Amino acid sequence: MFIRRRRPLLRAAAVGTAGYAIGRHAAQNQQDQEQAVADAYTAGATASDAKYDELQKLANLKEQGILTEEEFNQQKARILAS
C-alpha cells in the first residue's frame, strides 16, 4: 500500500509563506528608504530656496542704494557660508 507523505507539502507551504513575508519586509524597507531620500531632497531644496530669497532681498537693497557694495559682499558671504 502506498502512503502519501505530507511533509513535502508542509515544507512547500512554509517556504512559500516565509518567502512572501521576506518579500513584503524588503518592499517596506525600500519604501522607507525612498521616502527618506525624498524628505532629504525636499529639506535641501527648502534651504537653498531660503538662501536664494535672502540673496534676492540683499540685491534689491543694494539696487536701492541702501547697502554699499562692501556691505552687500559681506552679507552675501555670510549667507553662502551658512
PDB file of N, CA and C in Angstrom:
ATOM      1  N   MET A   1       0.832  -1.164   0.000  1.00  0.00           N
ATOM      2  CA  MET A   1       0.000   0.000   0.000  1.00  0.00           C
ATOM      3  C   MET A   1       0.891   1.246   0.000  1.00  0.00           C
ATOM      4  N   PHE A   2       0.486   2.234  -0.754  1.00  0.00           N
ATOM      5  CA  PHE A   2       1.256   3.471  -0.902  1.00  0.00           C
ATOM      6  C   PHE A   2       0.763   4.522   0.096  1.00  0.00           C
ATOM      7  N   ILE A   3       1.666   5.000   0.923  1.00  0.00           N
ATOM      8  CA  ILE A   3       1.305   6.018   1.921  1.00  0.00           C
ATOM      9  C   ILE A   3       1.850   7.366   1.446  1.00  0.00           C
ATOM     10  N   ARG A   4       0.989   8.319   1.402  1.00  0.00           N
ATOM     11  CA  ARG A   4       1.418   9.660   0.986  1.00  0.00           C
ATOM     12  C   ARG A   4       2.065  10.387   2.162  1.00  0.00           C
ATOM     13  N   ARG A   5       3.119  11.024   1.846  1.00  0.00           N
ATOM     14  CA  ARG A   5       3.775  11.814   2.884  1.00  0.00           C
ATOM     15  C   ARG A   5       3.331  13.259   2.741  1.00  0.00           C
ATOM     16  N   ARG A   6       3.043  13.887   3.807  1.00  0.00           N
ATOM     17  CA  ARG A   6       2.577  15.269   3.772  1.00  0.00           C
ATOM     18  C   ARG A   6       3.696  16.256   4.036  1.00  0.00           C
ATOM     19  N   ARG A   7       4.843  15.771   4.398  1.00  0.00           N
ATOM     20  CA  ARG A   7       5.946  16.675   4.705  1.00  0.00           C
ATOM     21  C   ARG A   7       6.339  17.555   3.516  1.00  0.00           C
ATOM     22  N   PRO A   8       6.425  17.037   2.312  1.00  0.00           N
ATOM     23  CA  PRO A   8       6.788  17.926   1.201  1.00  0.00           C
ATOM     24  C   PRO A   8       5.789  19.064   1.017  1.00  0.00           C
ATOM     25  N   LEU A   9       4.522  18.780   1.222  1.00  0.00           N
ATOM     26  CA  LEU A   9       3.522  19.844   1.094  1.00  0.00           C
ATOM     27  C   LEU A   9       3.670  20.879   2.196  1.00  0.00           C
ATOM     28  N   LEU A  10       3.907  20.413   3.402  1.00  0.00           N
ATOM     29  CA  LEU A  10       4.089  21.346   4.515  1.00  0.00           C
ATOM     30  C   LEU A  10       5.343  22.187   4.317  1.00  0.00           C
ATOM     31  N   ARG A  11       6.393  21.537   3.829  1.00  0.00           N
ATOM     32  CA  ARG A  11       7.634  22.260   3.581  1.00  0.00           C
ATOM     33  C   ARG A  11       7.422  23.329   2.503  1.00  0.00           C
ATOM     34  N   ALA A  12       6.728  22.990   1.455  1.00  0.00           N
ATOM     35  CA  ALA A  12       6.461  23.954   0.389  1.00  0.00           C
ATOM     36  C   ALA A  12       5.627  25.121   0.904  1.00  0.00           C
ATOM     37  N   ALA A  13       4.655  24.819   1.744  1.00  0.00           N
ATOM     38  CA  ALA A  13       3.819  25.880   2.311  1.00  0.00           C
ATOM     39  C   ALA A  13       4.646  26.789   3.213  1.00  0.00           C
ATOM     40  N   ALA A  14       5.529  26.206   3.999  1.00  0.00           N
ATOM     41  CA  ALA A  14       6.364  27.004   4.904  1.00  0.00           C
ATOM     42  C   ALA A  14       7.332  27.878   4.118  1.00  0.00           C
ATOM     43  N   VAL A  15       7.941  27.316   3.076  1.00  0.00           N
ATOM     44  CA  VAL A  15       8.883  28.081   2.264  1.00  0.00           C
ATOM     45  C   VAL A  15       8.156  29.215   1.552  1.00  0.00           C
ATOM     46  N   GLY A  16       6.985  28.924   1.015  1.00  0.00           N
ATOM     47  CA  GLY A  16       6.210  29.961   0.329  1.00  0.00           C
ATOM     48  C   GLY A  16       5.808  31.084   1.262  1.00  0.00           C
ATOM     49  N   THR A  17       5.369  30.739   2.454  1.00  0.00           N
ATOM     50  CA  THR A  17       4.962  31.753   3.428  1.00  0.00           C
ATOM     51  C   THR A  17       6.154  32.596   3.855  1.00  0.00           C
ATOM     52  N   ALA A  18       7.282  31.953   4.094  1.00  0.00           N
ATOM     53  CA  ALA A  18       8.479  32.695   4.504  1.00  0.00           C
ATOM     54  C   ALA A  18       8.935  33.625   3.383  1.00  0.00           C
ATOM     55  N   GLY A  19       8.918  33.144   2.150  1.00  0.00           N
ATOM     56  CA  GLY A  19       9.316  33.983   1.016  1.00  0.00           C
ATOM     57  C   GLY A  19       8.418  35.190   0.872  1.00  0.00           C
ATOM     58  N   TYR A  20       7.134  34.979   1.056  1.00  0.00           N
ATOM     59  CA  TYR A  20       6.176  36.086   0.972  1.00  0.00           C
ATOM     60  C   TYR A  20       6.461  37.126   2.056  1.00  0.00           C
ATOM     61  N   ALA A  21       6.689  36.670   3.284  1.00  0.00           N
ATOM     62  CA  ALA A  21       6.944  37.592   4.392  1.00  0.00           C
ATOM     63  C   ALA A  21       8.239  38.371   4.175  1.00  0.00           C
ATOM     64  N   ILE A  22       9.266  37.695   3.696  1.00  0.00           N
ATOM     65  CA  ILE A  22      10.546  38.367   3.434  1.00  0.00           C
ATOM     66  C   ILE A  22      10.387  39.396   2.329  1.00  0.00           C
ATOM     67  N   GLY A  23       9.641  39.054   1.281  1.00  0.00           N
ATOM     68  CA  GLY A  23       9.402  39.989   0.182  1.00  0.00           C
ATOM     69  C   GLY A  23       8.662  41.240   0.641  1.00  0.00           C
ATOM     70  N   ARG A  24       7.658  41.046   1.467  1.00  0.00           N
ATOM     71  CA  ARG A  24       6.914  42.212   1.982  1.00  0.00           C
ATOM     72  C   ARG A  24       7.804  43.096   2.839  1.00  0.00           C
ATOM     73  N   HIS A  25       8.635  42.472   3.659  1.00  0.00           N
ATOM     74  CA  HIS A  25       9.538  43.227   4.527  1.00  0.00           C
ATOM     75  C   HIS A  25      10.531  44.036   3.686  1.00  0.00           C
ATOM     76  N   ALA A  26      11.078  43.411   2.648  1.00  0.00           N
ATOM     77  CA  ALA A  26      12.032  44.102   1.776  1.00  0.00           C
ATOM     78  C   ALA A  26      11.359  45.261   1.051  1.00  0.00           C
ATOM     79  N   ALA A  27      10.137  45.060   0.598  1.00  0.00           N
ATOM     80  CA  ALA A  27       9.412  46.130  -0.096  1.00  0.00           C
ATOM     81  C   ALA A  27       9.147  47.299   0.845  1.00  0.00           C
ATOM     82  N   GLN A  28       8.800  47.003   2.085  1.00  0.00           N
ATOM     83  CA  GLN A  28       8.545  48.072   3.062  1.00  0.00           C
ATOM     84  C   GLN A  28       9.822  48.854   3.348  1.00  0.00           C
ATOM     85  N   ASN A  29      10.954  48.147   3.471  1.00  0.00           N
ATOM     86  CA  ASN A  29      12.234  48.826   3.708  1.00  0.00           C
ATOM     87  C   ASN A  29      12.588  49.734   2.539  1.00  0.00           C
ATOM     88  N   GLN A  30      12.339  49.264   1.325  1.00  0.00           N
ATOM     89  CA  GLN A  30      12.647  50.075   0.150  1.00  0.00           C
ATOM     90  C   GLN A  30      11.763  51.324   0.119  1.00  0.00           C
ATOM     91  N   GLN A  31      10.491  51.168   0.464  1.00  0.00           N
ATOM     92  CA  GLN A  31       9.596  52.327   0.516  1.00  0.00           C
ATOM     93  C   GLN A  31      10.087  53.336   1.552  1.00  0.00           C
ATOM     94  N   ASP A  32      10.507  52.851   2.711  1.00  0.00           N
ATOM     95  CA  ASP A  32      11.007  53.736   3.761  1.00  0.00           C
ATOM     96  C   ASP A  32      12.245  54.490   3.293  1.00  0.00           C
ATOM     97  N   GLN A  33      13.145  53.802   2.592  1.00  0.00           N
ATOM     98  CA  GLN A  33      14.359  54.444   2.094  1.00  0.00           C
ATOM     99  C   GLN A  33      14.025  55.495   1.041  1.00  0.00           C
ATOM    100  N   GLU A  34      13.096  55.192   0.157  1.00  0.00           N
ATOM    101  CA  GLU A  34      12.709  56.154  -0.867  1.00  0.00           C
ATOM    102  C   GLU A  34      12.079  57.390  -0.238  1.00  0.00           C
ATOM    103  N   GLN A  35      11.286  57.198   0.809  1.00  0.00           N
ATOM    104  CA  GLN A  35      10.660  58.329   1.493  1.00  0.00           C
ATOM    105  C   GLN A  35      11.720  59.173   2.190  1.00  0.00           C
ATOM    106  N   ALA A  36      12.723  58.535   2.786  1.00  0.00           N
ATOM    107  CA  ALA A  36      13.788  59.275   3.453  1.00  0.00           C
ATOM    108  C   ALA A  36      14.579  60.110   2.446  1.00  0.00           C
ATOM    109  N   VAL A  37      14.842  59.560   1.270  1.00  0.00           N
ATOM    110  CA  VAL A  37      15.554  60.308   0.233  1.00  0.00           C
ATOM    111  C   VAL A  37      14.716  61.488  -0.236  1.00  0.00           C
ATOM    112  N   ALA A  38      13.419  61.264  -0.417  1.00  0.00           N
ATOM    113  CA  ALA A  38      12.532  62.354  -0.848  1.00  0.00           C
ATOM    114  C   ALA A  38      12.478  63.460   0.211  1.00  0.00           C
ATOM    115  N   ASP A  39      12.408  63.077   1.481  1.00  0.00           N
ATOM    116  CA  ASP A  39      12.378  64.070   2.557  1.00  0.00           C
ATOM    117  C   ASP A  39      13.682  64.866   2.601  1.00  0.00           C
ATOM    118  N   ALA A  40      14.809  64.191   2.431  1.00  0.00           N
ATOM    119  CA  ALA A  40      16.103  64.874   2.449  1.00  0.00           C
ATOM    120  C   ALA A  40      16.211  65.839   1.267  1.00  0.00           C
ATOM    121  N   TYR A  41      15.732  65.430   0.106  1.00  0.00           N
ATOM    122  CA  TYR A  41      15.770  66.294  -1.073  1.00  0.00           C
ATOM    123  C   TYR A  41      14.906  67.532  -0.854  1.00  0.00           C
ATOM    124  N   THR A  42      13.722  67.339  -0.286  1.00  0.00           N
ATOM    125  CA  THR A  42      12.827  68.464  -0.021  1.00  0.00           C
ATOM    126  C   THR A  42      13.446  69.431   0.984  1.00  0.00           C
ATOM    127  N   ALA A  43      14.080  68.900   2.016  1.00  0.00           N
ATOM    128  CA  ALA A  43      14.721  69.751   3.019  1.00  0.00           C
ATOM    129  C   ALA A  43      15.856  70.546   2.394  1.00  0.00           C
ATOM    130  N   GLY A  44      16.632  69.913   1.535  1.00  0.00           N
ATOM    131  CA  GLY A  44      17.732  70.604   0.861  1.00  0.00           C
ATOM    132  C   GLY A  44      17.224  71.676  -0.076  1.00  0.00           C
ATOM    133  N   ALA A  45      16.147  71.391  -0.786  1.00  0.00           N
ATOM    134  CA  ALA A  45      15.574  72.369  -1.706  1.00  0.00           C
ATOM    135  C   ALA A  45      15.025  73.561  -0.929  1.00  0.00           C
ATOM    136  N   THR A  46      14.422  73.320   0.210  1.00  0.00           N
ATOM    137  CA  THR A  46      13.878  74.397   1.026  1.00  0.00           C
ATOM    138  C   THR A  46      14.993  75.302   1.536  1.00  0.00           C
ATOM    139  N   ALA A  47      16.105  74.712   1.959  1.00  0.00           N
ATOM    140  CA  ALA A  47      17.226  75.501   2.472  1.00  0.00           C
ATOM    141  C   ALA A  47      17.820  76.367   1.366  1.00  0.00           C
ATOM    142  N   SER A  48      17.987  75.810   0.172  1.00  0.00           N
ATOM    143  CA  SER A  48      18.566  76.592  -0.917  1.00  0.00           C
ATOM    144  C   SER A  48      17.593  77.663  -1.396  1.00  0.00           C
ATOM    145  N   ASP A  49      16.294  77.387  -1.336  1.00  0.00           N
ATOM    146  CA  ASP A  49      15.302  78.398  -1.695  1.00  0.00           C
ATOM    147  C   ASP A  49      15.351  79.576  -0.727  1.00  0.00           C
ATOM    148  N   ALA A  50      15.544  79.283   0.562  1.00  0.00           N
ATOM    149  CA  ALA A  50      15.620  80.350   1.555  1.00  0.00           C
ATOM    150  C   ALA A  50      16.859  81.212   1.305  1.00  0.00           C
ATOM    151  N   LYS A  51      17.978  80.586   0.974  1.00  0.00           N
ATOM    152  CA  LYS A  51      19.195  81.346   0.671  1.00  0.00           C
ATOM    153  C   LYS A  51      18.988  82.221  -0.558  1.00  0.00           C
ATOM    154  N   TYR A  52      18.360  81.644  -1.573  1.00  0.00           N
ATOM    155  CA  TYR A  52      18.110  82.397  -2.799  1.00  0.00           C
ATOM    156  C   TYR A  52      17.230  83.617  -2.522  1.00  0.00           C
ATOM    157  N   ASP A  53      16.182  83.439  -1.727  1.00  0.00           N
ATOM    158  CA  ASP A  53      15.294  84.553  -1.391  1.00  0.00           C
ATOM    159  C   ASP A  53      16.037  85.646  -0.626  1.00  0.00           C
ATOM    160  N   GLU A  54      16.883  85.225   0.307  1.00  0.00           N
ATOM    161  CA  GLU A  54      17.633  86.203   1.093  1.00  0.00           C
ATOM    162  C   GLU A  54      18.621  86.976   0.212  1.00  0.00           C
ATOM    163  N   LEU A  55      19.254  86.280  -0.730  1.00  0.00           N
ATOM    164  CA  LEU A  55      20.170  86.962  -1.653  1.00  0.00           C
ATOM    165  C   LEU A  55      19.412  87.936  -2.555  1.00  0.00           C
ATOM    166  N   GLN A  56      18.213  87.574  -2.965  1.00  0.00           N
ATOM    167  CA  GLN A  56      17.381  88.477  -3.772  1.00  0.00           C
ATOM    168  C   GLN A  56      17.060  89.751  -2.992  1.00  0.00           C
ATOM    169  N   LYS A  57      16.718  89.605  -1.722  1.00  0.00           N
ATOM    170  CA  LYS A  57      16.420  90.775  -0.886  1.00  0.00           C
ATOM    171  C   LYS A  57      17.637  91.679  -0.761  1.00  0.00           C
ATOM    172  N   LEU A  58      18.812  91.059  -0.561  1.00  0.00           N
ATOM    173  CA  LEU A  58      20.040  91.852  -0.465  1.00  0.00           C
ATOM    174  C   LEU A  58      20.318  92.595  -1.776  1.00  0.00           C
ATOM    175  N   ALA A  59      20.109  91.921  -2.895  1.00  0.00           N
ATOM    176  CA  ALA A  59      20.340  92.557  -4.196  1.00  0.00           C
ATOM    177  C   ALA A  59      19.399  93.746  -4.383  1.00  0.00           C
ATOM    178  N   ASN A  60      18.168  93.599  -3.954  1.00  0.00           N
ATOM    179  CA  ASN A  60      17.215  94.710  -4.056  1.00  0.00           C
ATOM    180  C   ASN A  60      17.649  95.886  -3.188  1.00  0.00           C
ATOM    181  N   LEU A  61      18.132  95.592  -1.978  1.00  0.00           N
ATOM    182  CA  LEU A  61      18.601  96.661  -1.096  1.00  0.00           C
ATOM    183  C   LEU A  61      19.813  97.373  -1.702  1.00  0.00           C
ATOM    184  N   LYS A  62      20.673  96.620  -2.348  1.00  0.00           N
ATOM    185  CA  LYS A  62      21.844  97.217  -2.990  1.00  0.00           C
ATOM    186  C   LYS A  62      21.427  98.102  -4.163  1.00  0.00           C
ATOM    187  N   GLU A  63      20.470  97.611  -4.963  1.00  0.00           N
ATOM    188  CA  GLU A  63      19.992  98.388  -6.103  1.00  0.00           C
ATOM    189  C   GLU A  63      19.314  99.686  -5.661  1.00  0.00           C
ATOM    190  N   GLN A  64      18.664  99.640  -4.512  1.00  0.00           N
ATOM    191  CA  GLN A  64      18.001 100.841  -3.994  1.00  0.00           C
ATOM    192  C   GLN A  64      18.986 101.808  -3.347  1.00  0.00           C
ATOM    193  N   GLY A  65      20.218 101.380  -3.162  1.00  0.00           N
ATOM    194  CA  GLY A  65      21.233 102.244  -2.579  1.00  0.00           C
ATOM    195  C   GLY A  65      21.286 102.180  -1.067  1.00  0.00           C
ATOM    196  N   ILE A  66      20.553 101.270  -0.472  1.00  0.00           N
ATOM    197  CA  ILE A  66      20.540 101.136   0.989  1.00  0.00           C
ATOM    198  C   ILE A  66      21.815 100.454   1.471  1.00  0.00           C
ATOM    199  N   LEU A  67      22.312  99.486   0.705  1.00  0.00           N
ATOM    200  CA  LEU A  67      23.552  98.788   1.050  1.00  0.00           C
ATOM    201  C   LEU A  67      24.663  99.213   0.097  1.00  0.00           C
ATOM    202  N   THR A  68      25.866  99.309   0.644  1.00  0.00           N
ATOM    203  CA  THR A  68      27.024  99.574  -0.220  1.00  0.00           C
ATOM    204  C   THR A  68      27.515  98.252  -0.795  1.00  0.00           C
ATOM    205  N   GLU A  69      28.423  98.344  -1.745  1.00  0.00           N
ATOM    206  CA  GLU A  69      28.979  97.142  -2.367  1.00  0.00           C
ATOM    207  C   GLU A  69      29.680  96.271  -1.321  1.00  0.00           C
ATOM    208  N   GLU A  70      30.415  96.900  -0.419  1.00  0.00           N
ATOM    209  CA  GLU A  70      31.137  96.166   0.624  1.00  0.00           C
ATOM    210  C   GLU A  70      30.176  95.466   1.579  1.00  0.00           C
ATOM    211  N   GLU A  71      29.127  96.161   2.007  1.00  0.00           N
ATOM    212  CA  GLU A  71      28.147  95.552   2.905  1.00  0.00           C
ATOM    213  C   GLU A  71      27.431  94.385   2.217  1.00  0.00           C
ATOM    214  N   PHE A  72      27.121  94.590   0.954  1.00  0.00           N
ATOM    215  CA  PHE A  72      26.454  93.542   0.187  1.00  0.00           C
ATOM    216  C   PHE A  72      27.334  92.287   0.114  1.00  0.00           C
ATOM    217  N   ASN A  73      28.611  92.468  -0.195  1.00  0.00           N
ATOM    218  CA  ASN A  73      29.529  91.329  -0.298  1.00  0.00           C
ATOM    219  C   ASN A  73      29.706  90.612   1.032  1.00  0.00           C
ATOM    220  N   GLN A  74      29.745  91.363   2.135  1.00  0.00           N
ATOM    221  CA  GLN A  74      29.872  90.754   3.453  1.00  0.00           C
ATOM    222  C   GLN A  74      28.644  89.895   3.776  1.00  0.00           C
ATOM    223  N   GLN A  75      27.467  90.457   3.527  1.00  0.00           N
ATOM    224  CA  GLN A  75      26.230  89.729   3.822  1.00  0.00           C
ATOM    225  C   GLN A  75      26.069  88.510   2.900  1.00  0.00           C
ATOM    226  N   LYS A  76      26.467  88.679   1.631  1.00  0.00           N
ATOM    227  CA  LYS A  76      26.392  87.568   0.689  1.00  0.00           C
ATOM    228  C   LYS A  76      27.301  86.426   1.135  1.00  0.00           C
ATOM    229  N   ALA A  77      28.502  86.754   1.568  1.00  0.00           N
ATOM    230  CA  ALA A  77      29.433  85.734   2.050  1.00  0.00           C
ATOM    231  C   ALA A  77      28.879  85.022   3.278  1.00  0.00           C
ATOM    232  N   ARG A  78      28.235  85.785   4.157  1.00  0.00           N
ATOM    233  CA  ARG A  78      27.642  85.196   5.366  1.00  0.00           C
ATOM    234  C   ARG A  78      26.534  84.207   5.002  1.00  0.00           C
ATOM    235  N   ILE A  79      25.685  84.578   4.049  1.00  0.00           N
ATOM    236  CA  ILE A  79      24.586  83.716   3.639  1.00  0.00           C
ATOM    237  C   ILE A  79      25.091  82.462   2.966  1.00  0.00           C
ATOM    238  N   LEU A  80      26.053  82.613   2.073  1.00  0.00           N
ATOM    239  CA  LEU A  80      26.564  81.463   1.337  1.00  0.00           C
ATOM    240  C   LEU A  80      27.356  80.517   2.225  1.00  0.00           C
ATOM    241  N   ALA A  81      27.960  81.041   3.294  1.00  0.00           N
ATOM    242  CA  ALA A  81      28.723  80.200   4.214  1.00  0.00           C
ATOM    243  C   ALA A  81      27.818  79.375   5.106  1.00  0.00           C
ATOM    244  N   SER A  82      26.605  79.840   5.330  1.00  0.00           N
ATOM    245  CA  SER A  82      25.696  79.102   6.233  1.00  0.00           C
ATOM    246  C   SER A  82      25.002  77.962   5.560  1.00  0.00           C
TER     247      SER A  82
END
